[in-house]
Amino acid sequence: MKERTIMNFPKFKNIEIINEIRNKYDPLADKVNPHITIVFPFACKLENEEIESWIKNALTGMHPYKHTIE
């Protein structure tokens, strides 16, 4: 069983500041780009395509949203 997580990788205007802070405090800063974690790590037997299909099906009828980080 694989360990999975679901993350959103938005485009940040202040990426330099975010990376500076992450390099100081986040031991995984050099492993993953700045992100927003949607689902924290979970064990799963499904393949990427199956997870993607499940998510798309679960979100049917949902509308996109905009988020602002200041």
C-alpha atoms as a PDB file:
ATOM      1  CA  MET A   1       0.000   0.000   0.000  1.00  0.00           C
ATOM      2  CA  LYS A   2       1.319   3.438  -0.938  1.00  0.00           C
ATOM      3  CA  GLU A   3       1.346   6.546   1.213  1.00  0.00           C
ATOM      4  CA  ARG A   4      -0.539   9.304  -0.623  1.00  0.00           C
ATOM      5  CA  THR A   5      -1.364  12.954  -0.119  1.00  0.00           C
ATOM      6  CA  ILE A   6      -3.380  15.457  -2.135  1.00  0.00           C
ATOM      7  CA  MET A   7      -1.928  18.936  -2.620  1.00  0.00           C
ATOM      8  CA  ASN A   8      -2.775  22.111  -4.506  1.00  0.00           C
ATOM      9  CA  PHE A   9       0.136  23.980  -6.117  1.00  0.00           C
ATOM     10  CA  PRO A  10      -1.115  27.556  -6.587  1.00  0.00           C
ATOM     11  CA  LYS A  11       0.941  30.299  -8.172  1.00  0.00           C
ATOM     12  CA  PHE A  12       2.172  32.649  -5.464  1.00  0.00           C
ATOM     13  CA  LYS A  13       3.141  36.273  -6.136  1.00  0.00           C
ATOM     14  CA  ASN A  14       5.547  36.285  -3.187  1.00  0.00           C
ATOM     15  CA  ILE A  15       7.269  32.969  -3.948  1.00  0.00           C
ATOM     16  CA  GLU A  16      10.708  34.254  -2.900  1.00  0.00           C
ATOM     17  CA  ILE A  17       9.501  35.089   0.611  1.00  0.00           C
ATOM     18  CA  ILE A  18       7.665  31.776   0.894  1.00  0.00           C
ATOM     19  CA  ASN A  19      10.754  29.835  -0.204  1.00  0.00           C
ATOM     20  CA  GLU A  20      12.941  31.773   2.226  1.00  0.00           C
ATOM     21  CA  ILE A  21      10.670  30.864   5.137  1.00  0.00           C
ATOM     22  CA  ARG A  22      10.316  27.274   4.001  1.00  0.00           C
ATOM     23  CA  ASN A  23      14.082  26.841   3.638  1.00  0.00           C
ATOM     24  CA  LYS A  24      14.466  28.000   7.231  1.00  0.00           C
ATOM     25  CA  TYR A  25      11.687  25.932   8.842  1.00  0.00           C
ATOM     26  CA  ASP A  26      10.524  23.168   6.499  1.00  0.00           C
ATOM     27  CA  PRO A  27      12.751  20.083   6.203  1.00  0.00           C
ATOM     28  CA  LEU A  28      10.910  19.148   2.986  1.00  0.00           C
ATOM     29  CA  ALA A  29      11.387  22.530   1.288  1.00  0.00           C
ATOM     30  CA  ASP A  30      13.801  21.066  -1.249  1.00  0.00           C
ATOM     31  CA  LYS A  31      11.539  18.045  -1.903  1.00  0.00           C
ATOM     32  CA  VAL A  32       8.196  19.670  -2.770  1.00  0.00           C
ATOM     33  CA  ASN A  33       7.210  23.068  -4.166  1.00  0.00           C
ATOM     34  CA  PRO A  34       5.132  25.492  -2.084  1.00  0.00           C
ATOM     35  CA  HIS A  35       1.656  24.039  -1.770  1.00  0.00           C
ATOM     36  CA  ILE A  36      -1.575  23.834   0.150  1.00  0.00           C
ATOM     37  CA  THR A  37      -2.232  20.375   1.554  1.00  0.00           C
ATOM     38  CA  ILE A  38      -5.798  19.302   0.790  1.00  0.00           C
ATOM     39  CA  VAL A  39      -5.582  15.781   2.258  1.00  0.00           C
ATOM     40  CA  PHE A  40      -2.807  14.789   4.646  1.00  0.00           C
ATOM     41  CA  PRO A  41      -0.958  11.490   4.099  1.00  0.00           C
ATOM     42  CA  PHE A  42      -3.097   8.361   3.908  1.00  0.00           C
ATOM     43  CA  ALA A  43      -2.481   4.746   2.942  1.00  0.00           C
ATOM     44  CA  CYS A  44      -4.096   3.713  -0.350  1.00  0.00           C
ATOM     45  CA  LYS A  45      -3.975   0.786  -2.773  1.00  0.00           C
ATOM     46  CA  LEU A  46      -5.386   2.813  -5.675  1.00  0.00           C
ATOM     47  CA  GLU A  47      -3.235   4.000  -8.584  1.00  0.00           C
ATOM     48  CA  ASN A  48      -2.976   7.708  -9.476  1.00  0.00           C
ATOM     49  CA  GLU A  49      -5.528   7.406 -12.271  1.00  0.00           C
ATOM     50  CA  GLU A  50      -8.046   5.719  -9.961  1.00  0.00           C
ATOM     51  CA  ILE A  51      -7.629   8.424  -7.313  1.00  0.00           C
ATOM     52  CA  GLU A  52      -8.004  11.146  -9.952  1.00  0.00           C
ATOM     53  CA  SER A  53     -11.167   9.497 -11.289  1.00  0.00           C
ATOM     54  CA  TRP A  54     -12.604   9.175  -7.761  1.00  0.00           C
ATOM     55  CA  ILE A  55     -11.893  12.855  -7.021  1.00  0.00           C
ATOM     56  CA  LYS A  56     -13.419  14.027 -10.315  1.00  0.00           C
ATOM     57  CA  ASN A  57     -16.523  11.947  -9.645  1.00  0.00           C
ATOM     58  CA  ALA A  58     -16.798  13.248  -6.057  1.00  0.00           C
ATOM     59  CA  LEU A  59     -16.529  16.851  -7.299  1.00  0.00           C
ATOM     60  CA  THR A  60     -19.178  16.506 -10.007  1.00  0.00           C
ATOM     61  CA  GLY A  61     -21.481  19.507  -9.773  1.00  0.00           C
ATOM     62  CA  MET A  62     -19.082  21.494  -7.594  1.00  0.00           C
ATOM     63  CA  HIS A  63     -17.981  24.894  -8.849  1.00  0.00           C
ATOM     64  CA  PRO A  64     -14.359  26.114  -8.765  1.00  0.00           C
ATOM     65  CA  TYR A  65     -13.408  28.708  -6.199  1.00  0.00           C
ATOM     66  CA  LYS A  66     -10.758  31.388  -6.029  1.00  0.00           C
ATOM     67  CA  HIS A  67      -8.591  31.750  -2.985  1.00  0.00           C
ATOM     68  CA  THR A  68      -6.415  34.661  -2.017  1.00  0.00           C
ATOM     69  CA  ILE A  69      -3.456  34.472   0.300  1.00  0.00           C
ATOM     70  CA  GLU A  70      -2.213  37.782   1.608  1.00  0.00           C
END
